């Protein structure tokens, strides 16, 4: 509702497993006033976020909070 009312730029919905992601996608697509493609709704699996975090850390292993020189 917040997105539809223009009070939010979007929603990120993190799912623990594929079945949950499918249920949310189906529910969003059956909304009367909108479809999830129009919502700014991002559906993502927790495992995907974990893998992205690992890849980012491997790409830049500098400890968090360490001052990095400007590019």
PDB file of N, CA and C in Angstrom:
ATOM      1  N   UNK A   1       0.802  -1.181   0.000  1.00  0.00           N
ATOM      2  CA  UNK A   1       0.000   0.000   0.000  1.00  0.00           C
ATOM      3  C   UNK A   1       0.853   1.257   0.000  1.00  0.00           C
ATOM      4  N   UNK A   2       1.963   1.262   0.737  1.00  0.00           N
ATOM      5  CA  UNK A   2       2.813   2.442   0.787  1.00  0.00           C
ATOM      6  C   UNK A   2       3.368   2.758  -0.588  1.00  0.00           C
ATOM      7  N   UNK A   3       3.784   1.736  -1.310  1.00  0.00           N
ATOM      8  CA  UNK A   3       4.325   1.950  -2.653  1.00  0.00           C
ATOM      9  C   UNK A   3       3.238   2.490  -3.564  1.00  0.00           C
ATOM     10  N   UNK A   4       2.073   1.905  -3.512  1.00  0.00           N
ATOM     11  CA  UNK A   4       0.961   2.321  -4.357  1.00  0.00           C
ATOM     12  C   UNK A   4       0.564   3.771  -4.058  1.00  0.00           C
ATOM     13  N   UNK A   5       0.693   4.183  -2.798  1.00  0.00           N
ATOM     14  CA  UNK A   5       0.349   5.543  -2.385  1.00  0.00           C
ATOM     15  C   UNK A   5       1.488   6.533  -2.641  1.00  0.00           C
ATOM     16  N   UNK A   6       2.626   6.049  -3.172  1.00  0.00           N
ATOM     17  CA  UNK A   6       3.745   6.935  -3.453  1.00  0.00           C
ATOM     18  C   UNK A   6       4.569   7.308  -2.236  1.00  0.00           C
ATOM     19  N   UNK A   7       4.459   6.538  -1.146  1.00  0.00           N
ATOM     20  CA  UNK A   7       5.192   6.837   0.083  1.00  0.00           C
ATOM     21  C   UNK A   7       6.458   5.995   0.229  1.00  0.00           C
ATOM     22  N   UNK A   8       6.734   5.152  -0.742  1.00  0.00           N
ATOM     23  CA  UNK A   8       7.917   4.299  -0.701  1.00  0.00           C
ATOM     24  C   UNK A   8       8.411   4.075  -2.125  1.00  0.00           C
ATOM     25  N   UNK A   9       9.720   3.989  -2.281  1.00  0.00           N
ATOM     26  CA  UNK A   9      10.288   3.731  -3.604  1.00  0.00           C
ATOM     27  C   UNK A   9      10.262   2.258  -3.969  1.00  0.00           C
ATOM     28  N   UNK A  10      10.057   1.407  -3.001  1.00  0.00           N
ATOM     29  CA  UNK A  10      10.039  -0.016  -3.290  1.00  0.00           C
ATOM     30  C   UNK A  10      10.181  -0.856  -2.036  1.00  0.00           C
ATOM     31  N   UNK A  11      10.129  -2.155  -2.239  1.00  0.00           N
ATOM     32  CA  UNK A  11      10.201  -3.113  -1.149  1.00  0.00           C
ATOM     33  C   UNK A  11      11.156  -4.231  -1.545  1.00  0.00           C
ATOM     34  N   UNK A  12      12.020  -4.621  -0.618  1.00  0.00           N
ATOM     35  CA  UNK A  12      12.880  -5.781  -0.804  1.00  0.00           C
ATOM     36  C   UNK A  12      12.351  -6.869   0.113  1.00  0.00           C
ATOM     37  N   UNK A  13      11.960  -7.986  -0.451  1.00  0.00           N
ATOM     38  CA  UNK A  13      11.410  -9.092   0.323  1.00  0.00           C
ATOM     39  C   UNK A  13      12.406 -10.236   0.250  1.00  0.00           C
ATOM     40  N   UNK A  14      12.973 -10.598   1.376  1.00  0.00           N
ATOM     41  CA  UNK A  14      13.992 -11.642   1.440  1.00  0.00           C
ATOM     42  C   UNK A  14      13.335 -12.934   1.891  1.00  0.00           C
ATOM     43  N   UNK A  15      13.516 -13.978   1.086  1.00  0.00           N
ATOM     44  CA  UNK A  15      12.893 -15.273   1.363  1.00  0.00           C
ATOM     45  C   UNK A  15      13.962 -16.294   1.730  1.00  0.00           C
ATOM     46  N   UNK A  16      13.633 -17.165   2.656  1.00  0.00           N
ATOM     47  CA  UNK A  16      14.558 -18.199   3.095  1.00  0.00           C
ATOM     48  C   UNK A  16      14.636 -19.390   2.161  1.00  0.00           C
ATOM     49  N   UNK A  17      13.615 -19.547   1.319  1.00  0.00           N
ATOM     50  CA  UNK A  17      13.624 -20.688   0.395  1.00  0.00           C
ATOM     51  C   UNK A  17      12.780 -20.362  -0.838  1.00  0.00           C
ATOM     52  N   UNK A  18      12.974 -21.133  -1.867  1.00  0.00           N
ATOM     53  CA  UNK A  18      12.318 -20.902  -3.164  1.00  0.00           C
ATOM     54  C   UNK A  18      10.795 -20.952  -3.067  1.00  0.00           C
ATOM     55  N   UNK A  19      10.255 -21.845  -2.243  1.00  0.00           N
ATOM     56  CA  UNK A  19       8.793 -21.944  -2.107  1.00  0.00           C
ATOM     57  C   UNK A  19       8.193 -20.645  -1.569  1.00  0.00           C
ATOM     58  N   UNK A  20       8.851 -20.043  -0.592  1.00  0.00           N
ATOM     59  CA  UNK A  20       8.376 -18.773  -0.050  1.00  0.00           C
ATOM     60  C   UNK A  20       8.419 -17.680  -1.104  1.00  0.00           C
ATOM     61  N   UNK A  21       9.494 -17.650  -1.881  1.00  0.00           N
ATOM     62  CA  UNK A  21       9.616 -16.662  -2.939  1.00  0.00           C
ATOM     63  C   UNK A  21       8.487 -16.818  -3.961  1.00  0.00           C
ATOM     64  N   UNK A  22       8.171 -18.045  -4.323  1.00  0.00           N
ATOM     65  CA  UNK A  22       7.087 -18.301  -5.282  1.00  0.00           C
ATOM     66  C   UNK A  22       5.735 -17.857  -4.722  1.00  0.00           C
ATOM     67  N   UNK A  23       5.499 -18.109  -3.428  1.00  0.00           N
ATOM     68  CA  UNK A  23       4.227 -17.704  -2.812  1.00  0.00           C
ATOM     69  C   UNK A  23       4.071 -16.180  -2.798  1.00  0.00           C
ATOM     70  N   UNK A  24       5.145 -15.473  -2.467  1.00  0.00           N
ATOM     71  CA  UNK A  24       5.090 -14.017  -2.434  1.00  0.00           C
ATOM     72  C   UNK A  24       4.876 -13.470  -3.843  1.00  0.00           C
ATOM     73  N   UNK A  25       5.584 -14.023  -4.807  1.00  0.00           N
ATOM     74  CA  UNK A  25       5.421 -13.579  -6.193  1.00  0.00           C
ATOM     75  C   UNK A  25       3.976 -13.785  -6.657  1.00  0.00           C
ATOM     76  N   UNK A  26       3.407 -14.946  -6.338  1.00  0.00           N
ATOM     77  CA  UNK A  26       2.031 -15.234  -6.743  1.00  0.00           C
ATOM     78  C   UNK A  26       1.059 -14.262  -6.071  1.00  0.00           C
ATOM     79  N   UNK A  27       1.239 -14.034  -4.780  1.00  0.00           N
ATOM     80  CA  UNK A  27       0.355 -13.121  -4.057  1.00  0.00           C
ATOM     81  C   UNK A  27       0.455 -11.705  -4.631  1.00  0.00           C
ATOM     82  N   UNK A  28       1.668 -11.263  -4.934  1.00  0.00           N
ATOM     83  CA  UNK A  28       1.845  -9.918  -5.486  1.00  0.00           C
ATOM     84  C   UNK A  28       1.198  -9.793  -6.856  1.00  0.00           C
ATOM     85  N   UNK A  29       1.255 -10.851  -7.647  1.00  0.00           N
ATOM     86  CA  UNK A  29       0.684 -10.811  -8.994  1.00  0.00           C
ATOM     87  C   UNK A  29      -0.830 -10.907  -9.012  1.00  0.00           C
ATOM     88  N   UNK A  30      -1.450 -11.245  -7.885  1.00  0.00           N
ATOM     89  CA  UNK A  30      -2.902 -11.354  -7.854  1.00  0.00           C
ATOM     90  C   UNK A  30      -3.559 -10.146  -7.205  1.00  0.00           C
ATOM     91  N   UNK A  31      -2.751  -9.129  -6.859  1.00  0.00           N
ATOM     92  CA  UNK A  31      -3.313  -7.912  -6.261  1.00  0.00           C
ATOM     93  C   UNK A  31      -4.297  -7.246  -7.214  1.00  0.00           C
ATOM     94  N   UNK A  32      -5.335  -6.677  -6.674  1.00  0.00           N
ATOM     95  CA  UNK A  32      -6.377  -6.061  -7.501  1.00  0.00           C
ATOM     96  C   UNK A  32      -5.941  -4.723  -8.094  1.00  0.00           C
ATOM     97  N   UNK A  33      -5.238  -3.908  -7.302  1.00  0.00           N
ATOM     98  CA  UNK A  33      -4.925  -2.559  -7.749  1.00  0.00           C
ATOM     99  C   UNK A  33      -3.595  -2.464  -8.496  1.00  0.00           C
ATOM    100  N   UNK A  34      -2.747  -3.482  -8.390  1.00  0.00           N
ATOM    101  CA  UNK A  34      -1.429  -3.391  -8.991  1.00  0.00           C
ATOM    102  C   UNK A  34      -0.838  -4.779  -9.196  1.00  0.00           C
ATOM    103  N   UNK A  35       0.227  -4.830  -9.938  1.00  0.00           N
ATOM    104  CA  UNK A  35       0.998  -6.063 -10.127  1.00  0.00           C
ATOM    105  C   UNK A  35       2.386  -5.818  -9.559  1.00  0.00           C
ATOM    106  N   UNK A  36       3.071  -6.881  -9.166  1.00  0.00           N
ATOM    107  CA  UNK A  36       4.343  -6.676  -8.490  1.00  0.00           C
ATOM    108  C   UNK A  36       5.389  -6.051  -9.407  1.00  0.00           C
ATOM    109  N   UNK A  37       5.294  -6.226 -10.716  1.00  0.00           N
ATOM    110  CA  UNK A  37       6.235  -5.597 -11.633  1.00  0.00           C
ATOM    111  C   UNK A  37       6.156  -4.072 -11.549  1.00  0.00           C
ATOM    112  N   UNK A  38       5.004  -3.553 -11.166  1.00  0.00           N
ATOM    113  CA  UNK A  38       4.801  -2.114 -11.071  1.00  0.00           C
ATOM    114  C   UNK A  38       5.140  -1.560  -9.685  1.00  0.00           C
ATOM    115  N   UNK A  39       5.413  -2.414  -8.739  1.00  0.00           N
ATOM    116  CA  UNK A  39       5.569  -1.998  -7.349  1.00  0.00           C
ATOM    117  C   UNK A  39       6.958  -1.540  -6.955  1.00  0.00           C
ATOM    118  N   UNK A  40       7.965  -1.922  -7.693  1.00  0.00           N
ATOM    119  CA  UNK A  40       9.308  -1.743  -7.197  1.00  0.00           C
ATOM    120  C   UNK A  40       9.594  -2.810  -6.158  1.00  0.00           C
ATOM    121  N   UNK A  41       8.984  -3.979  -6.337  1.00  0.00           N
ATOM    122  CA  UNK A  41       9.146  -5.092  -5.403  1.00  0.00           C
ATOM    123  C   UNK A  41      10.285  -5.980  -5.867  1.00  0.00           C
ATOM    124  N   UNK A  42      11.258  -6.173  -4.988  1.00  0.00           N
ATOM    125  CA  UNK A  42      12.380  -7.046  -5.275  1.00  0.00           C
ATOM    126  C   UNK A  42      12.248  -8.290  -4.404  1.00  0.00           C
ATOM    127  N   UNK A  43      12.217  -9.448  -5.024  1.00  0.00           N
ATOM    128  CA  UNK A  43      12.172 -10.720  -4.304  1.00  0.00           C
ATOM    129  C   UNK A  43      13.531 -11.387  -4.467  1.00  0.00           C
ATOM    130  N   UNK A  44      14.134 -11.764  -3.352  1.00  0.00           N
ATOM    131  CA  UNK A  44      15.465 -12.356  -3.415  1.00  0.00           C
ATOM    132  C   UNK A  44      15.616 -13.410  -2.328  1.00  0.00           C
ATOM    133  N   UNK A  45      16.369 -14.439  -2.651  1.00  0.00           N
ATOM    134  CA  UNK A  45      16.629 -15.506  -1.680  1.00  0.00           C
ATOM    135  C   UNK A  45      17.765 -15.100  -0.743  1.00  0.00           C
ATOM    136  N   UNK A  46      17.657 -15.477   0.512  1.00  0.00           N
ATOM    137  CA  UNK A  46      18.692 -15.180   1.500  1.00  0.00           C
ATOM    138  C   UNK A  46      20.035 -15.764   1.064  1.00  0.00           C
ATOM    139  N   UNK A  47      20.030 -16.964   0.497  1.00  0.00           N
ATOM    140  CA  UNK A  47      21.284 -17.578   0.037  1.00  0.00           C
ATOM    141  C   UNK A  47      21.967 -16.732  -1.038  1.00  0.00           C
ATOM    142  N   UNK A  48      21.181 -16.065  -1.863  1.00  0.00           N
ATOM    143  CA  UNK A  48      21.747 -15.187  -2.892  1.00  0.00           C
ATOM    144  C   UNK A  48      22.448 -14.002  -2.242  1.00  0.00           C
ATOM    145  N   UNK A  49      21.828 -13.427  -1.225  1.00  0.00           N
ATOM    146  CA  UNK A  49      22.443 -12.304  -0.512  1.00  0.00           C
ATOM    147  C   UNK A  49      23.738 -12.751   0.159  1.00  0.00           C
ATOM    148  N   UNK A  50      23.718 -13.914   0.776  1.00  0.00           N
ATOM    149  CA  UNK A  50      24.923 -14.439   1.426  1.00  0.00           C
ATOM    150  C   UNK A  50      26.049 -14.606   0.414  1.00  0.00           C
ATOM    151  N   UNK A  51      25.741 -15.189  -0.741  1.00  0.00           N
ATOM    152  CA  UNK A  51      26.755 -15.406  -1.764  1.00  0.00           C
ATOM    153  C   UNK A  51      27.308 -14.080  -2.287  1.00  0.00           C
ATOM    154  N   UNK A  52      26.453 -13.102  -2.486  1.00  0.00           N
ATOM    155  CA  UNK A  52      26.905 -11.783  -2.941  1.00  0.00           C
ATOM    156  C   UNK A  52      27.823 -11.139  -1.905  1.00  0.00           C
ATOM    157  N   UNK A  53      27.496 -11.290  -0.629  1.00  0.00           N
ATOM    158  CA  UNK A  53      28.322 -10.727   0.440  1.00  0.00           C
ATOM    159  C   UNK A  53      29.700 -11.381   0.463  1.00  0.00           C
ATOM    160  N   UNK A  54      29.729 -12.688   0.293  1.00  0.00           N
ATOM    161  CA  UNK A  54      31.007 -13.411   0.259  1.00  0.00           C
ATOM    162  C   UNK A  54      31.851 -12.930  -0.914  1.00  0.00           C
ATOM    163  N   UNK A  55      31.231 -12.799  -2.077  1.00  0.00           N
ATOM    164  CA  UNK A  55      31.959 -12.351  -3.264  1.00  0.00           C
ATOM    165  C   UNK A  55      32.491 -10.934  -3.089  1.00  0.00           C
ATOM    166  N   UNK A  56      31.701 -10.057  -2.470  1.00  0.00           N
ATOM    167  CA  UNK A  56      32.155  -8.689  -2.236  1.00  0.00           C
ATOM    168  C   UNK A  56      33.328  -8.662  -1.258  1.00  0.00           C
ATOM    169  N   UNK A  57      33.258  -9.475  -0.210  1.00  0.00           N
ATOM    170  CA  UNK A  57      34.340  -9.538   0.778  1.00  0.00           C
ATOM    171  C   UNK A  57      35.615 -10.084   0.143  1.00  0.00           C
ATOM    172  N   UNK A  58      35.484 -11.094  -0.708  1.00  0.00           N
ATOM    173  CA  UNK A  58      36.656 -11.652  -1.374  1.00  0.00           C
ATOM    174  C   UNK A  58      37.274 -10.647  -2.341  1.00  0.00           C
ATOM    175  N   UNK A  59      36.443  -9.821  -2.971  1.00  0.00           N
ATOM    176  CA  UNK A  59      36.937  -8.817  -3.901  1.00  0.00           C
ATOM    177  C   UNK A  59      37.666  -7.689  -3.172  1.00  0.00           C
ATOM    178  N   UNK A  60      37.254  -7.389  -1.933  1.00  0.00           N
ATOM    179  CA  UNK A  60      37.877  -6.333  -1.139  1.00  0.00           C
ATOM    180  C   UNK A  60      37.931  -6.780   0.316  1.00  0.00           C
ATOM    181  N   UNK A  61      39.003  -7.496   0.683  1.00  0.00           N
ATOM    182  CA  UNK A  61      39.086  -8.051   2.044  1.00  0.00           C
ATOM    183  C   UNK A  61      39.472  -7.037   3.117  1.00  0.00           C
ATOM    184  N   UNK A  62      39.591  -5.750   2.770  1.00  0.00           N
ATOM    185  CA  UNK A  62      39.924  -4.721   3.755  1.00  0.00           C
ATOM    186  C   UNK A  62      38.873  -4.750   4.872  1.00  0.00           C
ATOM    187  N   UNK A  63      39.343  -4.711   6.100  1.00  0.00           N
ATOM    188  CA  UNK A  63      38.438  -4.777   7.252  1.00  0.00           C
ATOM    189  C   UNK A  63      37.432  -3.621   7.235  1.00  0.00           C
ATOM    190  N   UNK A  64      36.252  -3.899   7.692  1.00  0.00           N
ATOM    191  CA  UNK A  64      35.205  -2.869   7.794  1.00  0.00           C
ATOM    192  C   UNK A  64      35.679  -1.809   8.782  1.00  0.00           C
ATOM    193  N   UNK A  65      35.485  -0.542   8.449  1.00  0.00           N
ATOM    194  CA  UNK A  65      35.871   0.562   9.323  1.00  0.00           C
ATOM    195  C   UNK A  65      37.264   1.091   9.047  1.00  0.00           C
ATOM    196  N   UNK A  66      38.020   0.408   8.214  1.00  0.00           N
ATOM    197  CA  UNK A  66      39.384   0.885   7.867  1.00  0.00           C
ATOM    198  C   UNK A  66      39.255   1.972   6.817  1.00  0.00           C
ATOM    199  N   UNK A  67      39.960   3.098   7.046  1.00  0.00           N
ATOM    200  CA  UNK A  67      39.917   4.202   6.091  1.00  0.00           C
ATOM    201  C   UNK A  67      40.555   3.762   4.778  1.00  0.00           C
ATOM    202  N   UNK A  68      39.824   3.952   3.723  1.00  0.00           N
ATOM    203  CA  UNK A  68      40.326   3.584   2.397  1.00  0.00           C
ATOM    204  C   UNK A  68      40.710   4.858   1.651  1.00  0.00           C
ATOM    205  N   UNK A  69      41.841   4.855   0.971  1.00  0.00           N
ATOM    206  CA  UNK A  69      42.237   6.042   0.227  1.00  0.00           C
ATOM    207  C   UNK A  69      41.253   6.361  -0.896  1.00  0.00           C
ATOM    208  N   UNK A  70      41.058   7.645  -1.145  1.00  0.00           N
ATOM    209  CA  UNK A  70      40.145   8.058  -2.225  1.00  0.00           C
ATOM    210  C   UNK A  70      40.715   7.623  -3.567  1.00  0.00           C
ATOM    211  N   UNK A  71      39.828   7.279  -4.461  1.00  0.00           N
ATOM    212  CA  UNK A  71      40.242   6.814  -5.795  1.00  0.00           C
ATOM    213  C   UNK A  71      40.704   7.951  -6.664  1.00  0.00           C
TER     214      UNK A  71
END
